[in-house]
Protein backbone atom coordinates (compact mmCIF):
# COMPACT_ATOMS: atom_id res chain seq x y z
CA MET A 1 -0.71 10.86 2.65
CA HIS A 2 -1.23 7.39 4.12
CA GLN A 3 -2.38 8.90 7.44
CA LEU A 4 -5.65 9.58 5.69
CA ILE A 5 -5.92 6.65 3.32
CA ALA A 6 -4.61 3.66 5.16
CA PRO A 7 -7.05 3.63 8.11
CA PHE A 8 -9.87 3.39 5.50
CA LEU A 9 -8.84 -0.05 4.51
CA ILE A 10 -11.84 -2.55 4.72
CA ALA A 11 -11.51 -6.33 4.71
CA LEU A 12 -14.91 -7.57 3.59
CA TYR A 13 -15.95 -11.21 3.15
CA VAL A 14 -19.05 -12.80 1.62
CA GLN A 15 -20.09 -16.36 2.42
CA SER A 16 -22.68 -16.66 -0.36
CA ALA A 17 -21.64 -16.19 -3.98
CA GLY A 18 -23.82 -13.84 -5.98
CA ALA A 19 -24.77 -11.68 -3.00
CA THR A 20 -25.41 -7.99 -3.55
CA GLY A 21 -22.95 -5.46 -2.25
CA MET A 22 -25.25 -4.53 0.64
CA GLU A 23 -25.70 -8.18 1.60
CA SER A 24 -21.93 -8.63 1.49
CA LEU A 25 -21.41 -5.66 3.77
CA GLU A 26 -24.03 -6.87 6.21
CA ASN A 27 -22.49 -10.33 6.29
CA PHE A 28 -19.06 -8.92 7.01
CA VAL A 29 -19.96 -6.68 9.92
CA LYS A 30 -21.82 -9.57 11.52
CA SER A 31 -19.36 -12.41 10.95
CA ALA A 32 -15.80 -11.30 10.12
CA SER A 33 -13.93 -11.02 13.39
CA SER A 34 -10.41 -10.93 11.95
CA GLY A 35 -8.59 -10.98 8.65
CA ARG A 36 -5.51 -10.32 6.57
CA ALA A 37 -4.67 -9.58 2.95
CA GLU A 38 -2.18 -7.96 0.61
CA PHE A 39 -3.03 -4.79 -1.26
CA SER A 40 -1.96 -2.45 -4.03
CA GLN A 41 -2.94 1.21 -3.81
CA VAL A 42 -3.02 3.90 -6.51
CA VAL A 43 -3.46 7.46 -5.21
CA THR A 44 -4.39 10.04 -7.84
CA ALA A 45 -4.28 13.76 -7.11
CA PRO A 46 -6.71 15.97 -9.07
CA ALA A 47 -5.43 17.92 -12.07
CA ARG A 48 -4.58 21.53 -11.21
CA ASP A 49 -3.21 24.63 -12.94
CA GLY A 50 -3.33 22.95 -16.33
CA GLN A 51 -1.24 20.01 -15.17
CA ALA A 52 -2.31 16.41 -15.65
CA ALA A 53 -3.44 14.34 -12.67
CA ARG A 54 -0.55 12.62 -10.89
CA SER A 55 -0.65 9.07 -9.56
CA LYS A 56 1.46 7.21 -7.00
CA THR A 57 1.42 3.46 -6.48
CA SER A 58 2.23 1.63 -3.25
CA SER A 59 1.74 -1.87 -1.89
CA GLY A 60 1.74 -3.75 1.37
CA SER A 61 -0.24 -5.96 3.72
CA PHE A 62 -2.73 -5.58 6.54
CA GLU A 63 -4.32 -7.44 9.43
CA PHE A 64 -7.32 -6.64 11.62
CA ALA A 65 -9.10 -8.01 14.66
CA ARG A 66 -12.21 -6.73 16.34
CA PRO A 67 -12.68 -4.74 18.38
CA ASN A 68 -10.78 -1.70 17.10
CA ARG A 69 -7.43 -3.19 16.15
CA PHE A 70 -5.59 -3.25 12.84
CA ARG A 71 -2.14 -2.98 11.30
CA PHE A 72 -1.04 -1.80 7.86
CA ILE A 73 2.47 -2.30 6.55
CA TYR A 74 3.44 -0.31 3.47
CA LYS A 75 6.44 -1.96 1.82
CA LYS A 76 6.83 -0.14 -1.51
CA PRO A 77 7.88 2.46 -2.51
CA PHE A 78 8.31 3.81 1.06
CA GLU A 79 8.12 1.87 4.30
CA GLN A 80 5.41 2.88 6.75
CA THR A 81 3.66 1.04 9.56
CA ILE A 82 0.24 2.02 10.90
CA VAL A 83 -1.08 0.31 14.02
CA ALA A 84 -4.34 0.78 15.90
CA ASP A 85 -4.15 -0.92 19.30
CA GLY A 86 -7.66 0.00 20.45
CA GLN A 87 -6.61 3.20 22.19
CA THR A 88 -3.95 4.84 20.04
CA LEU A 89 -3.34 5.08 16.30
CA TRP A 90 0.39 4.90 15.59
CA LEU A 91 2.07 5.92 12.33
CA HIS A 92 5.75 5.10 11.87
CA ASP A 93 7.54 6.65 8.89
CA VAL A 94 10.67 4.51 8.56
CA ASP A 95 12.62 6.88 6.31
CA LEU A 96 12.03 9.86 8.61
CA ASN A 97 12.28 7.68 11.74
CA GLN A 98 9.26 9.58 13.03
CA VAL A 99 6.24 8.25 14.94
CA THR A 100 2.91 10.05 15.13
CA ALA A 101 0.47 9.05 17.89
CA ARG A 102 -3.21 10.02 17.92
CA LYS A 103 -6.14 9.06 20.11
CA GLN A 104 -7.91 6.41 18.10
CA ALA A 105 -11.46 7.41 19.04
CA GLN A 106 -10.92 10.94 17.74
CA VAL A 107 -9.43 9.84 14.43
CA LEU A 108 -11.58 6.90 13.35
CA GLY A 109 -15.15 7.91 14.18
CA SER A 110 -16.89 8.47 10.83
CA THR A 111 -14.45 6.57 8.63
CA PRO A 112 -14.52 3.19 6.89
CA ALA A 113 -12.32 1.91 9.69
CA ALA A 114 -15.57 1.47 11.62
CA LEU A 115 -16.42 -1.27 9.15
CA ILE A 116 -13.45 -3.40 10.13
CA ALA A 117 -13.11 -2.40 13.72
CA SER A 118 -16.35 -2.00 15.61
CA ALA A 119 -19.75 -1.84 13.90
CA PRO A 120 -21.79 -4.99 14.71
CA ASP A 121 -24.49 -4.45 12.05
CA LEU A 122 -25.73 -2.11 9.33
CA GLY A 123 -27.82 -0.21 11.85
CA ALA A 124 -24.69 0.84 13.70
CA LEU A 125 -23.00 1.87 10.45
CA ARG A 126 -25.99 3.96 9.43
CA LYS A 127 -25.49 6.15 12.48
CA ASP A 128 -22.38 7.56 10.81
CA PHE A 129 -22.89 6.75 7.11
CA ASN A 130 -25.50 6.95 4.41
CA LEU A 131 -25.26 3.52 2.74
CA GLU A 132 -26.36 2.96 -0.85
CA ALA A 133 -26.06 0.05 -3.24
CA VAL A 134 -24.76 1.35 -6.58
CA ALA A 135 -24.66 -0.18 -10.05
CA ASP A 136 -22.36 -3.09 -10.82
CA LYS A 137 -19.16 -2.01 -12.55
CA ASP A 138 -16.10 -3.88 -13.82
CA GLY A 139 -17.72 -7.15 -12.82
CA LEU A 140 -18.03 -6.08 -9.17
CA GLN A 141 -20.94 -5.38 -6.82
CA TRP A 142 -20.60 -2.05 -5.02
CA VAL A 143 -21.78 -0.25 -1.90
CA GLN A 144 -21.19 3.47 -1.41
CA ALA A 145 -20.79 4.87 2.10
CA THR A 146 -21.05 8.64 2.56
CA PRO A 147 -20.23 10.12 5.98
CA LYS A 148 -23.08 12.04 7.58
CA ALA A 149 -20.58 14.40 9.21
CA LYS A 150 -19.70 17.15 6.73
CA ASP A 151 -16.52 18.38 8.39
CA GLY A 152 -14.29 15.34 7.82
CA GLN A 153 -11.67 14.64 5.16
CA LEU A 154 -13.57 11.71 3.65
CA ALA A 155 -16.09 12.49 0.89
CA SER A 156 -17.15 8.92 0.09
CA VAL A 157 -15.94 5.35 -0.14
CA LYS A 158 -17.10 2.61 -2.50
CA VAL A 159 -16.51 -1.02 -1.65
CA GLY A 160 -16.45 -3.60 -4.46
CA PHE A 161 -16.97 -7.37 -4.18
CA ARG A 162 -16.27 -10.28 -6.50
CA GLY A 163 -17.54 -13.70 -5.52
CA ASN A 164 -16.67 -14.40 -1.89
CA GLU A 165 -14.18 -11.67 -1.15
CA LEU A 166 -13.40 -7.99 -1.27
CA ALA A 167 -11.96 -6.94 -4.64
CA ALA A 168 -11.56 -3.16 -4.47
CA LEU A 169 -11.93 -0.07 -2.32
CA ASP A 170 -12.43 3.30 -4.03
CA ILE A 171 -11.93 6.29 -1.70
CA LEU A 172 -12.53 9.96 -2.50
CA ASP A 173 -11.44 12.63 -0.05
CA SER A 174 -12.71 16.18 0.32
CA PHE A 175 -9.75 17.54 -1.66
CA GLY A 176 -10.64 15.51 -4.74
CA GLN A 177 -7.89 12.95 -4.22
CA ARG A 178 -8.81 9.39 -5.16
CA SER A 179 -7.32 6.19 -3.74
CA LEU A 180 -8.09 2.91 -5.47
CA MET A 181 -7.07 -0.19 -3.57
CA THR A 182 -7.15 -3.73 -4.92
CA PHE A 183 -6.77 -6.82 -2.78
CA SER A 184 -5.29 -10.29 -3.02
CA LYS A 185 -4.81 -13.33 -0.78
CA MET A 186 -7.75 -12.30 1.37
CA GLU A 187 -8.38 -14.44 4.47
CA THR A 188 -11.00 -13.84 7.15
CA ASN A 189 -11.60 -15.26 10.62
CA VAL A 190 -8.00 -16.33 10.92
CA ALA A 191 -5.84 -16.35 14.03
CA VAL A 192 -3.98 -13.04 14.27
CA PRO A 193 -1.52 -12.82 17.19
CA ALA A 194 -2.23 -10.08 19.73
CA GLU A 195 1.31 -8.73 19.40
CA ALA A 196 0.53 -7.73 15.81
CA PHE A 197 -1.41 -4.80 17.24
CA GLN A 198 1.16 -3.72 19.80
CA PHE A 199 3.51 -0.89 18.90
CA LYS A 200 6.57 0.50 20.62
CA PRO A 201 8.39 3.46 19.05
CA PRO A 202 11.85 2.44 17.84
CA GLN A 203 14.80 3.70 19.81
CA GLY A 204 15.86 7.13 18.60
CA ALA A 205 12.60 7.85 16.76
CA THR A 206 10.96 11.27 17.07
CA VAL A 207 7.51 10.85 18.63
CA VAL A 208 4.79 13.42 17.88
CA LYS A 209 1.56 13.23 19.87
CA GLN A 210 -1.58 14.84 18.45
């Protein structure tokens, strides 16, 4: 589940209060070189076969540093660690003691991870996404990013801002599953140690390379 959702996490920062969502996005890709925050995530599966939609809640923390590095730590209800070191995307499921390794370039091309990892400006983002400012909602300013590639698992992602920081991330995948992430204790352009983005499979763990 988190293999799809977690790499979409976007740490966005706005220096000028009252900016539109598009201005906030542009400011971030130009100026935010690193960051960290805590998050809460609610994943809702679509209703099927007459059954009500089901939701699962998780929480954790993340850090990122350009270019192409980030780490997500899911703490509740299940422990998972996801690390992108610039070359490889690592997923460690603690309960299963299993590590999945994927080539980062193949996994993160047309995903919101480009927003935190590599894109230097909106022009670069527009190569992979259609970007659109959408109406304010719940007191937030929003930007919707829709991948131009039609064969991926991501349908769209909306990014919401309040004041000077990211407030929410609303992700819809091609299966109709929705992930709503809310953020707290956001910090940008902070010193993140290089070892945060280094990963070594634990002794005894099963390693699956894809």
